[in-house]
Amino acid sequence: MRSNIVIGIALWALAGHGHAQPSNVSALPEQLFEEGRHLAEANRWSDACPKFEQSLRYKDGLGTRLNLATCYEHLDRFASAYDLYRRAIDVMKPDDARRQFAEERIAILEPRVGSLTIALSVDMLGIIVMFDGNMVQPRELGISQYVDAGEHRVTASAPGLLRFTTTVMVVAQSAEIVSIPKLLPVEVATQGNVTTAASGQSLRSGGVALIVAGSIAVGLGAALDGPASAYSPPDIFVLWGAGAAAITGGVVLYLVGRHRINAPALTLGPAPLRDGAVAMVSGRW
């Protein structure tokens, strides 16, 4: 299989860039293509792909597409390779000698490609769905799409609603589904943040009160301790112990309250899974 791919590169180098170009056309696409071809011949695929990508951005050509598709295959980016082969076939003439090669590669790749379906659990007005930083068109939602193996990021946002973000791992031959839940209004998070902050402030106030009370108890015990004291040592020890416990509890409450004031709001919402969904609480406390 690898030998056929390398031979294909040599053929497409001639077929994709063999036409004469007008003198006013930049030679940069040709230069990038040749650099990519030499890197591919040296099996430096990770270096060759960017060269073909840049060449394709400057000047579209079947030879560049096929070489880039072959390059993606070597990097196990099967979905990207499949898409390029398919798009190349769409613009090829019926008698193009490269058609058979592209069709053979598609037949080999199709069983190995992973897929991802992004769907909305409910219709939401103005929602924008992003996949790895690229906008997903409404017509693509709910439809299985071939994607390269690896971790992918899906986000959904709409005016006045909380953003949804998740990651999904796609492997070869897998069929993953991301179901975007109904987005919650921003006010819910704002109210939750105010409640959390108010609770934190109460804990801090209570902690300060305990520290003061404990300090008074410890100081009183020290004042009562002495040869002429009317209180027995056990009574003084109890006073000291109670004061120390109050101070310790006050410090703990103060620190917890301080953390809650600075912590973001807790959020409650559905976490989509492939076979269903579960409720998920996130935040810091």
C-alpha atoms as a PDB file:
ATOM      1  CA  MET A   1       0.000   0.000   0.000  1.00  0.00           C
ATOM      2  CA  ARG A   2       2.783   2.435   0.873  1.00  0.00           C
ATOM      3  CA  SER A   3       4.585   1.819  -2.425  1.00  0.00           C
ATOM      4  CA  ASN A   4       1.434   2.683  -4.378  1.00  0.00           C
ATOM      5  CA  ILE A   5       1.124   5.932  -2.438  1.00  0.00           C
ATOM      6  CA  VAL A   6       4.700   6.991  -3.188  1.00  0.00           C
ATOM      7  CA  ILE A   7       4.272   6.193  -6.901  1.00  0.00           C
ATOM      8  CA  GLY A   8       1.080   8.231  -6.866  1.00  0.00           C
ATOM      9  CA  ILE A   9       2.943  11.241  -5.570  1.00  0.00           C
ATOM     10  CA  ALA A  10       5.378  11.140  -8.476  1.00  0.00           C
ATOM     11  CA  LEU A  11       2.511  10.933 -10.982  1.00  0.00           C
ATOM     12  CA  TRP A  12       0.478  13.710  -9.435  1.00  0.00           C
ATOM     13  CA  ALA A  13       3.505  15.980  -9.351  1.00  0.00           C
ATOM     14  CA  LEU A  14       3.407  15.988 -13.136  1.00  0.00           C
ATOM     15  CA  ALA A  15      -0.341  15.920 -13.561  1.00  0.00           C
ATOM     16  CA  GLY A  16      -1.227  18.575 -11.012  1.00  0.00           C
ATOM     17  CA  HIS A  17       1.308  21.223 -11.991  1.00  0.00           C
ATOM     18  CA  GLY A  18       2.190  20.427 -15.592  1.00  0.00           C
ATOM     19  CA  HIS A  19       0.227  23.292 -17.153  1.00  0.00           C
ATOM     20  CA  ALA A  20       1.993  26.460 -18.171  1.00  0.00           C
ATOM     21  CA  GLN A  21       1.163  29.418 -15.951  1.00  0.00           C
ATOM     22  CA  PRO A  22       0.850  33.044 -17.027  1.00  0.00           C
ATOM     23  CA  SER A  23       3.887  35.132 -16.250  1.00  0.00           C
ATOM     24  CA  ASN A  24       1.949  37.285 -13.782  1.00  0.00           C
ATOM     25  CA  VAL A  25       1.062  34.314 -11.571  1.00  0.00           C
ATOM     26  CA  SER A  26       3.244  33.930  -8.486  1.00  0.00           C
ATOM     27  CA  ALA A  27       5.626  31.004  -8.423  1.00  0.00           C
ATOM     28  CA  LEU A  28       5.102  30.535  -4.670  1.00  0.00           C
ATOM     29  CA  PRO A  29       2.445  27.758  -4.983  1.00  0.00           C
ATOM     30  CA  GLU A  30       4.749  25.759  -7.263  1.00  0.00           C
ATOM     31  CA  GLN A  31       7.689  26.281  -4.902  1.00  0.00           C
ATOM     32  CA  LEU A  32       5.671  25.131  -1.881  1.00  0.00           C
ATOM     33  CA  PHE A  33       4.373  22.139  -3.802  1.00  0.00           C
ATOM     34  CA  GLU A  34       7.884  21.063  -4.820  1.00  0.00           C
ATOM     35  CA  GLU A  35       9.133  21.452  -1.244  1.00  0.00           C
ATOM     36  CA  GLY A  36       6.260  19.294  -0.013  1.00  0.00           C
ATOM     37  CA  ARG A  37       6.901  16.661  -2.667  1.00  0.00           C
ATOM     38  CA  HIS A  38      10.601  16.381  -1.740  1.00  0.00           C
ATOM     39  CA  LEU A  39       9.703  16.091   1.954  1.00  0.00           C
ATOM     40  CA  ALA A  40       7.150  13.394   1.146  1.00  0.00           C
ATOM     41  CA  GLU A  41       9.688  11.434  -0.884  1.00  0.00           C
ATOM     42  CA  ALA A  42      11.919  11.541   2.209  1.00  0.00           C
ATOM     43  CA  ASN A  43       8.999  10.212   4.340  1.00  0.00           C
ATOM     44  CA  ARG A  44       8.897  13.472   6.293  1.00  0.00           C
ATOM     45  CA  TRP A  45       5.118  13.566   6.187  1.00  0.00           C
ATOM     46  CA  SER A  46       4.546  15.873   9.152  1.00  0.00           C
ATOM     47  CA  ASP A  47       6.713  18.476   7.399  1.00  0.00           C
ATOM     48  CA  ALA A  48       5.284  17.839   3.939  1.00  0.00           C
ATOM     49  CA  CYS A  49       1.607  18.376   4.822  1.00  0.00           C
ATOM     50  CA  PRO A  50       1.959  22.071   5.758  1.00  0.00           C
ATOM     51  CA  LYS A  51       3.734  22.723   2.458  1.00  0.00           C
ATOM     52  CA  PHE A  52       0.906  21.167   0.459  1.00  0.00           C
ATOM     53  CA  GLU A  53      -1.668  23.013   2.576  1.00  0.00           C
ATOM     54  CA  GLN A  54      -0.015  26.365   1.898  1.00  0.00           C
ATOM     55  CA  SER A  55       0.303  25.608  -1.798  1.00  0.00           C
ATOM     56  CA  LEU A  56      -3.383  24.703  -1.960  1.00  0.00           C
ATOM     57  CA  ARG A  57      -4.374  27.960  -0.283  1.00  0.00           C
ATOM     58  CA  TYR A  58      -2.535  29.949  -2.942  1.00  0.00           C
ATOM     59  CA  LYS A  59      -3.623  27.866  -5.933  1.00  0.00           C
ATOM     60  CA  ASP A  60      -6.103  25.011  -6.077  1.00  0.00           C
ATOM     61  CA  GLY A  61      -5.074  21.991  -8.099  1.00  0.00           C
ATOM     62  CA  LEU A  62      -5.956  18.302  -8.296  1.00  0.00           C
ATOM     63  CA  GLY A  63      -2.347  17.249  -7.964  1.00  0.00           C
ATOM     64  CA  THR A  64      -1.975  19.246  -4.762  1.00  0.00           C
ATOM     65  CA  ARG A  65      -5.209  17.834  -3.354  1.00  0.00           C
ATOM     66  CA  LEU A  66      -4.184  14.261  -4.029  1.00  0.00           C
ATOM     67  CA  ASN A  67      -0.717  14.729  -2.588  1.00  0.00           C
ATOM     68  CA  LEU A  68      -2.140  16.379   0.518  1.00  0.00           C
ATOM     69  CA  ALA A  69      -4.670  13.562   0.901  1.00  0.00           C
ATOM     70  CA  THR A  70      -1.874  11.018   0.695  1.00  0.00           C
ATOM     71  CA  CYS A  71       0.083  13.017   3.252  1.00  0.00           C
ATOM     72  CA  TYR A  72      -2.888  12.997   5.635  1.00  0.00           C
ATOM     73  CA  GLU A  73      -3.128   9.221   5.274  1.00  0.00           C
ATOM     74  CA  HIS A  74       0.419   8.820   6.554  1.00  0.00           C
ATOM     75  CA  LEU A  75      -0.455  10.940   9.586  1.00  0.00           C
ATOM     76  CA  ASP A  76      -3.580   8.800  10.244  1.00  0.00           C
ATOM     77  CA  ARG A  77      -5.849  11.733   9.469  1.00  0.00           C
ATOM     78  CA  PHE A  78      -8.171   9.447   7.580  1.00  0.00           C
ATOM     79  CA  ALA A  79     -11.238  11.707   7.551  1.00  0.00           C
ATOM     80  CA  SER A  80      -9.280  14.629   6.079  1.00  0.00           C
ATOM     81  CA  ALA A  81      -7.742  12.346   3.454  1.00  0.00           C
ATOM     82  CA  TYR A  82     -11.138  10.851   2.597  1.00  0.00           C
ATOM     83  CA  ASP A  83     -12.663  14.316   2.166  1.00  0.00           C
ATOM     84  CA  LEU A  84      -9.884  15.482  -0.147  1.00  0.00           C
ATOM     85  CA  TYR A  85     -10.079  12.352  -2.315  1.00  0.00           C
ATOM     86  CA  ARG A  86     -13.850  12.755  -2.552  1.00  0.00           C
ATOM     87  CA  ARG A  87     -13.626  16.441  -3.483  1.00  0.00           C
ATOM     88  CA  ALA A  88     -10.952  15.653  -6.075  1.00  0.00           C
ATOM     89  CA  ILE A  89     -13.181  13.037  -7.717  1.00  0.00           C
ATOM     90  CA  ASP A  90     -16.063  15.510  -7.834  1.00  0.00           C
ATOM     91  CA  VAL A  91     -14.132  17.804 -10.188  1.00  0.00           C
ATOM     92  CA  MET A  92     -12.291  15.138 -12.201  1.00  0.00           C
ATOM     93  CA  LYS A  93     -13.217  14.355 -15.771  1.00  0.00           C
ATOM     94  CA  PRO A  94     -14.549  10.812 -16.330  1.00  0.00           C
ATOM     95  CA  ASP A  95     -11.428   9.795 -18.237  1.00  0.00           C
ATOM     96  CA  ASP A  96      -8.957  11.291 -15.732  1.00  0.00           C
ATOM     97  CA  ALA A  97      -6.210   8.732 -15.047  1.00  0.00           C
ATOM     98  CA  ARG A  98      -6.154   9.710 -11.388  1.00  0.00           C
ATOM     99  CA  ARG A  99      -9.793   8.800 -10.752  1.00  0.00           C
ATOM    100  CA  GLN A 100      -9.085   5.087 -10.200  1.00  0.00           C
ATOM    101  CA  PHE A 101      -6.366   5.874  -7.675  1.00  0.00           C
ATOM    102  CA  ALA A 102      -8.630   8.207  -5.701  1.00  0.00           C
ATOM    103  CA  GLU A 103     -11.531   5.747  -5.768  1.00  0.00           C
ATOM    104  CA  GLU A 104      -9.286   2.950  -4.489  1.00  0.00           C
ATOM    105  CA  ARG A 105      -8.072   5.116  -1.623  1.00  0.00           C
ATOM    106  CA  ILE A 106     -11.653   6.040  -0.683  1.00  0.00           C
ATOM    107  CA  ALA A 107     -12.661   2.371  -0.616  1.00  0.00           C
ATOM    108  CA  ILE A 108      -9.748   1.607   1.715  1.00  0.00           C
ATOM    109  CA  LEU A 109     -10.314   4.581   4.003  1.00  0.00           C
ATOM    110  CA  GLU A 110     -14.076   4.475   4.416  1.00  0.00           C
ATOM    111  CA  PRO A 111     -14.171   1.516   6.871  1.00  0.00           C
ATOM    112  CA  ARG A 112     -11.409   3.105   8.985  1.00  0.00           C
ATOM    113  CA  VAL A 113     -12.824   6.593   9.465  1.00  0.00           C
ATOM    114  CA  GLY A 114     -14.459   7.649  12.753  1.00  0.00           C
ATOM    115  CA  SER A 115     -17.600   9.760  12.771  1.00  0.00           C
ATOM    116  CA  LEU A 116     -19.264  12.346  15.000  1.00  0.00           C
ATOM    117  CA  THR A 117     -22.855  13.519  15.181  1.00  0.00           C
ATOM    118  CA  ILE A 118     -23.619  16.863  16.854  1.00  0.00           C
ATOM    119  CA  ALA A 119     -27.290  17.270  17.684  1.00  0.00           C
ATOM    120  CA  LEU A 120     -29.506  19.668  19.634  1.00  0.00           C
ATOM    121  CA  SER A 121     -31.677  18.146  22.368  1.00  0.00           C
ATOM    122  CA  VAL A 122     -34.157  20.999  21.794  1.00  0.00           C
ATOM    123  CA  ASP A 123     -34.412  23.777  19.218  1.00  0.00           C
ATOM    124  CA  MET A 124     -32.869  27.031  20.443  1.00  0.00           C
ATOM    125  CA  LEU A 125     -33.170  30.369  18.683  1.00  0.00           C
ATOM    126  CA  GLY A 126     -29.878  32.008  17.739  1.00  0.00           C
ATOM    127  CA  ILE A 127     -27.669  29.135  18.875  1.00  0.00           C
ATOM    128  CA  ILE A 128     -24.146  28.987  17.425  1.00  0.00           C
ATOM    129  CA  VAL A 129     -22.372  25.627  17.475  1.00  0.00           C
ATOM    130  CA  MET A 130     -18.603  25.408  17.021  1.00  0.00           C
ATOM    131  CA  PHE A 131     -16.501  22.337  16.290  1.00  0.00           C
ATOM    132  CA  ASP A 132     -12.772  22.780  16.917  1.00  0.00           C
ATOM    133  CA  GLY A 133     -13.186  26.520  16.418  1.00  0.00           C
ATOM    134  CA  ASN A 134     -15.160  26.203  13.171  1.00  0.00           C
ATOM    135  CA  MET A 135     -18.840  27.036  12.922  1.00  0.00           C
ATOM    136  CA  VAL A 136     -21.204  24.114  12.358  1.00  0.00           C
ATOM    137  CA  GLN A 137     -23.891  24.964   9.815  1.00  0.00           C
ATOM    138  CA  PRO A 138     -27.489  24.310  10.903  1.00  0.00           C
ATOM    139  CA  ARG A 139     -27.950  21.806   8.089  1.00  0.00           C
ATOM    140  CA  GLU A 140     -25.025  19.758   9.491  1.00  0.00           C
ATOM    141  CA  LEU A 141     -26.580  19.297  12.933  1.00  0.00           C
ATOM    142  CA  GLY A 142     -27.933  15.815  13.538  1.00  0.00           C
ATOM    143  CA  ILE A 143     -25.959  14.372  10.632  1.00  0.00           C
ATOM    144  CA  SER A 144     -23.032  11.991  11.069  1.00  0.00           C
ATOM    145  CA  GLN A 145     -19.800  13.529   9.796  1.00  0.00           C
ATOM    146  CA  TYR A 146     -16.422  11.883   9.266  1.00  0.00           C
ATOM    147  CA  VAL A 147     -13.769  13.390  11.568  1.00  0.00           C
ATOM    148  CA  ASP A 148     -10.121  12.668  12.228  1.00  0.00           C
ATOM    149  CA  ALA A 149      -9.231  10.553  15.240  1.00  0.00           C
ATOM    150  CA  GLY A 150      -8.339  12.449  18.405  1.00  0.00           C
ATOM    151  CA  GLU A 151      -9.898  14.807  20.931  1.00  0.00           C
ATOM    152  CA  HIS A 152     -12.318  17.397  19.605  1.00  0.00           C
ATOM    153  CA  ARG A 153     -13.998  20.386  21.267  1.00  0.00           C
ATOM    154  CA  VAL A 154     -17.651  21.274  20.809  1.00  0.00           C
ATOM    155  CA  THR A 155     -19.178  24.522  22.085  1.00  0.00           C
ATOM    156  CA  ALA A 156     -22.647  26.030  21.856  1.00  0.00           C
ATOM    157  CA  SER A 157     -23.707  29.572  22.729  1.00  0.00           C
ATOM    158  CA  ALA A 158     -26.681  31.867  22.315  1.00  0.00           C
ATOM    159  CA  PRO A 159     -27.511  35.413  23.478  1.00  0.00           C
ATOM    160  CA  GLY A 160     -28.467  35.493  27.153  1.00  0.00           C
ATOM    161  CA  LEU A 161     -27.691  31.810  27.693  1.00  0.00           C
ATOM    162  CA  LEU A 162     -24.826  29.985  29.353  1.00  0.00           C
ATOM    163  CA  ARG A 163     -22.179  28.568  27.040  1.00  0.00           C
ATOM    164  CA  PHE A 164     -22.005  24.782  26.675  1.00  0.00           C
ATOM    165  CA  THR A 165     -18.565  23.219  26.211  1.00  0.00           C
ATOM    166  CA  THR A 166     -17.502  19.598  25.988  1.00  0.00           C
ATOM    167  CA  THR A 167     -14.751  17.445  24.499  1.00  0.00           C
ATOM    168  CA  VAL A 168     -15.187  14.152  22.714  1.00  0.00           C
ATOM    169  CA  MET A 169     -12.616  11.509  21.823  1.00  0.00           C
ATOM    170  CA  VAL A 170     -12.985   9.959  18.393  1.00  0.00           C
ATOM    171  CA  VAL A 171     -11.074   6.844  17.400  1.00  0.00           C
ATOM    172  CA  ALA A 172     -10.930   4.926  14.137  1.00  0.00           C
ATOM    173  CA  GLN A 173     -14.218   3.234  13.232  1.00  0.00           C
ATOM    174  CA  SER A 174     -16.049   4.812  16.193  1.00  0.00           C
ATOM    175  CA  ALA A 175     -19.375   6.628  15.889  1.00  0.00           C
ATOM    176  CA  GLU A 176     -19.646   9.299  18.591  1.00  0.00           C
ATOM    177  CA  ILE A 177     -22.607  11.536  19.423  1.00  0.00           C
ATOM    178  CA  VAL A 178     -22.649  14.893  21.212  1.00  0.00           C
ATOM    179  CA  SER A 179     -26.121  15.990  22.304  1.00  0.00           C
ATOM    180  CA  ILE A 180     -26.216  19.676  23.222  1.00  0.00           C
ATOM    181  CA  PRO A 181     -28.613  20.215  26.154  1.00  0.00           C
ATOM    182  CA  LYS A 182     -30.964  23.143  26.584  1.00  0.00           C
ATOM    183  CA  LEU A 183     -28.834  26.148  27.525  1.00  0.00           C
ATOM    184  CA  LEU A 184     -29.676  27.788  30.849  1.00  0.00           C
ATOM    185  CA  PRO A 185     -30.282  31.543  31.172  1.00  0.00           C
ATOM    186  CA  VAL A 186     -27.318  33.576  32.407  1.00  0.00           C
ATOM    187  CA  GLU A 187     -29.442  34.884  35.306  1.00  0.00           C
ATOM    188  CA  VAL A 188     -29.391  31.439  36.911  1.00  0.00           C
ATOM    189  CA  ALA A 189     -25.604  31.548  37.225  1.00  0.00           C
ATOM    190  CA  THR A 190     -25.685  35.162  38.445  1.00  0.00           C
ATOM    191  CA  GLN A 191     -28.170  34.334  41.175  1.00  0.00           C
ATOM    192  CA  GLY A 192     -26.147  31.292  42.159  1.00  0.00           C
ATOM    193  CA  ASN A 193     -23.004  33.399  42.405  1.00  0.00           C
ATOM    194  CA  VAL A 194     -24.730  35.973  44.647  1.00  0.00           C
ATOM    195  CA  THR A 195     -26.066  33.210  46.901  1.00  0.00           C
ATOM    196  CA  THR A 196     -22.644  31.609  47.145  1.00  0.00           C
ATOM    197  CA  ALA A 197     -20.980  34.939  47.940  1.00  0.00           C
ATOM    198  CA  ALA A 198     -23.587  35.758  50.587  1.00  0.00           C
ATOM    199  CA  SER A 199     -23.094  32.362  52.174  1.00  0.00           C
ATOM    200  CA  GLY A 200     -19.332  32.917  52.170  1.00  0.00           C
ATOM    201  CA  GLN A 201     -19.725  36.302  53.858  1.00  0.00           C
ATOM    202  CA  SER A 202     -21.868  34.738  56.600  1.00  0.00           C
ATOM    203  CA  LEU A 203     -19.264  32.047  57.192  1.00  0.00           C
ATOM    204  CA  ARG A 204     -16.517  34.651  57.457  1.00  0.00           C
ATOM    205  CA  SER A 205     -18.538  36.693  59.991  1.00  0.00           C
ATOM    206  CA  GLY A 206     -19.246  33.583  62.037  1.00  0.00           C
ATOM    207  CA  GLY A 207     -15.597  32.607  61.900  1.00  0.00           C
ATOM    208  CA  VAL A 208     -14.496  36.019  63.191  1.00  0.00           C
ATOM    209  CA  ALA A 209     -17.026  35.799  66.038  1.00  0.00           C
ATOM    210  CA  LEU A 210     -15.713  32.377  67.067  1.00  0.00           C
ATOM    211  CA  ILE A 211     -12.113  33.556  66.968  1.00  0.00           C
ATOM    212  CA  VAL A 212     -12.956  36.533  69.192  1.00  0.00           C
ATOM    213  CA  ALA A 213     -14.924  34.376  71.634  1.00  0.00           C
ATOM    214  CA  GLY A 214     -12.175  31.764  71.739  1.00  0.00           C
ATOM    215  CA  SER A 215      -9.525  34.405  72.336  1.00  0.00           C
ATOM    216  CA  ILE A 216     -11.545  35.826  75.234  1.00  0.00           C
ATOM    217  CA  ALA A 217     -11.921  32.356  76.741  1.00  0.00           C
ATOM    218  CA  VAL A 218      -8.195  31.642  76.482  1.00  0.00           C
ATOM    219  CA  GLY A 219      -7.351  35.065  77.942  1.00  0.00           C
ATOM    220  CA  LEU A 220      -9.823  34.585  80.791  1.00  0.00           C
ATOM    221  CA  GLY A 221      -8.315  31.209  81.576  1.00  0.00           C
ATOM    222  CA  ALA A 222      -4.872  32.728  81.718  1.00  0.00           C
ATOM    223  CA  ALA A 223      -6.104  35.501  84.010  1.00  0.00           C
ATOM    224  CA  LEU A 224      -7.729  33.016  86.380  1.00  0.00           C
ATOM    225  CA  ASP A 225      -4.684  30.786  86.522  1.00  0.00           C
ATOM    226  CA  GLY A 226      -2.516  31.493  89.541  1.00  0.00           C
ATOM    227  CA  PRO A 227      -1.746  30.455  93.150  1.00  0.00           C
ATOM    228  CA  ALA A 228      -4.479  32.669  94.615  1.00  0.00           C
ATOM    229  CA  SER A 229      -7.126  31.663  92.048  1.00  0.00           C
ATOM    230  CA  ALA A 230     -10.436  30.385  93.383  1.00  0.00           C
ATOM    231  CA  TYR A 231     -10.770  28.116  90.313  1.00  0.00           C
ATOM    232  CA  SER A 232      -9.293  24.643  90.146  1.00  0.00           C
ATOM    233  CA  PRO A 233      -6.874  23.679  87.364  1.00  0.00           C
ATOM    234  CA  PRO A 234      -9.437  21.389  85.655  1.00  0.00           C
ATOM    235  CA  ASP A 235     -11.857  24.293  85.328  1.00  0.00           C
ATOM    236  CA  ILE A 236      -9.160  26.470  83.794  1.00  0.00           C
ATOM    237  CA  PHE A 237      -8.101  23.683  81.412  1.00  0.00           C
ATOM    238  CA  VAL A 238     -11.727  23.345  80.254  1.00  0.00           C
ATOM    239  CA  LEU A 239     -11.830  27.082  79.595  1.00  0.00           C
ATOM    240  CA  TRP A 240      -8.580  26.952  77.641  1.00  0.00           C
ATOM    241  CA  GLY A 241      -9.756  23.925  75.645  1.00  0.00           C
ATOM    242  CA  ALA A 242     -13.061  25.557  74.759  1.00  0.00           C
ATOM    243  CA  GLY A 243     -11.271  28.734  73.714  1.00  0.00           C
ATOM    244  CA  ALA A 244      -8.765  26.862  71.538  1.00  0.00           C
ATOM    245  CA  ALA A 245     -11.554  24.869  69.878  1.00  0.00           C
ATOM    246  CA  ALA A 246     -13.492  28.068  69.172  1.00  0.00           C
ATOM    247  CA  ILE A 247     -10.422  29.717  67.636  1.00  0.00           C
ATOM    248  CA  THR A 248      -9.725  26.650  65.444  1.00  0.00           C
ATOM    249  CA  GLY A 249     -13.334  26.457  64.272  1.00  0.00           C
ATOM    250  CA  GLY A 250     -13.384  30.180  63.605  1.00  0.00           C
ATOM    251  CA  VAL A 251     -10.280  30.005  61.443  1.00  0.00           C
ATOM    252  CA  VAL A 252     -11.768  27.132  59.428  1.00  0.00           C
ATOM    253  CA  LEU A 253     -15.066  28.973  58.893  1.00  0.00           C
ATOM    254  CA  TYR A 254     -13.243  32.164  57.900  1.00  0.00           C
ATOM    255  CA  LEU A 255     -11.105  30.371  55.287  1.00  0.00           C
ATOM    256  CA  VAL A 256     -14.066  28.466  53.837  1.00  0.00           C
ATOM    257  CA  GLY A 257     -16.111  31.657  53.650  1.00  0.00           C
ATOM    258  CA  ARG A 258     -13.295  33.530  51.945  1.00  0.00           C
ATOM    259  CA  HIS A 259     -12.942  30.784  49.344  1.00  0.00           C
ATOM    260  CA  ARG A 260     -16.663  30.780  48.598  1.00  0.00           C
ATOM    261  CA  ILE A 261     -16.701  34.514  47.997  1.00  0.00           C
ATOM    262  CA  ASN A 262     -13.939  34.156  45.408  1.00  0.00           C
ATOM    263  CA  ALA A 263     -15.292  30.965  43.878  1.00  0.00           C
ATOM    264  CA  PRO A 264     -17.445  31.003  40.714  1.00  0.00           C
ATOM    265  CA  ALA A 265     -21.074  30.004  40.853  1.00  0.00           C
ATOM    266  CA  LEU A 266     -21.997  26.380  41.049  1.00  0.00           C
ATOM    267  CA  THR A 267     -23.738  25.190  37.913  1.00  0.00           C
ATOM    268  CA  LEU A 268     -26.187  22.362  37.555  1.00  0.00           C
ATOM    269  CA  GLY A 269     -27.003  20.912  34.191  1.00  0.00           C
ATOM    270  CA  PRO A 270     -27.195  17.782  32.087  1.00  0.00           C
ATOM    271  CA  ALA A 271     -23.984  16.149  30.908  1.00  0.00           C
ATOM    272  CA  PRO A 272     -24.609  14.359  27.587  1.00  0.00           C
ATOM    273  CA  LEU A 273     -23.343  10.833  27.232  1.00  0.00           C
ATOM    274  CA  ARG A 274     -23.444   8.553  24.252  1.00  0.00           C
ATOM    275  CA  ASP A 275     -26.181   6.364  25.764  1.00  0.00           C
ATOM    276  CA  GLY A 276     -28.080   9.032  27.716  1.00  0.00           C
ATOM    277  CA  ALA A 277     -27.382  11.899  30.098  1.00  0.00           C
ATOM    278  CA  VAL A 278     -26.671  12.498  33.752  1.00  0.00           C
ATOM    279  CA  ALA A 279     -26.995  15.551  35.974  1.00  0.00           C
ATOM    280  CA  MET A 280     -23.690  17.289  36.589  1.00  0.00           C
ATOM    281  CA  VAL A 281     -22.741  19.815  39.266  1.00  0.00           C
ATOM    282  CA  SER A 282     -19.587  21.826  38.626  1.00  0.00           C
ATOM    283  CA  GLY A 283     -17.809  24.610  40.451  1.00  0.00           C
ATOM    284  CA  ARG A 284     -15.520  25.151  43.447  1.00  0.00           C
ATOM    285  CA  TRP A 285     -16.394  25.179  47.118  1.00  0.00           C
END
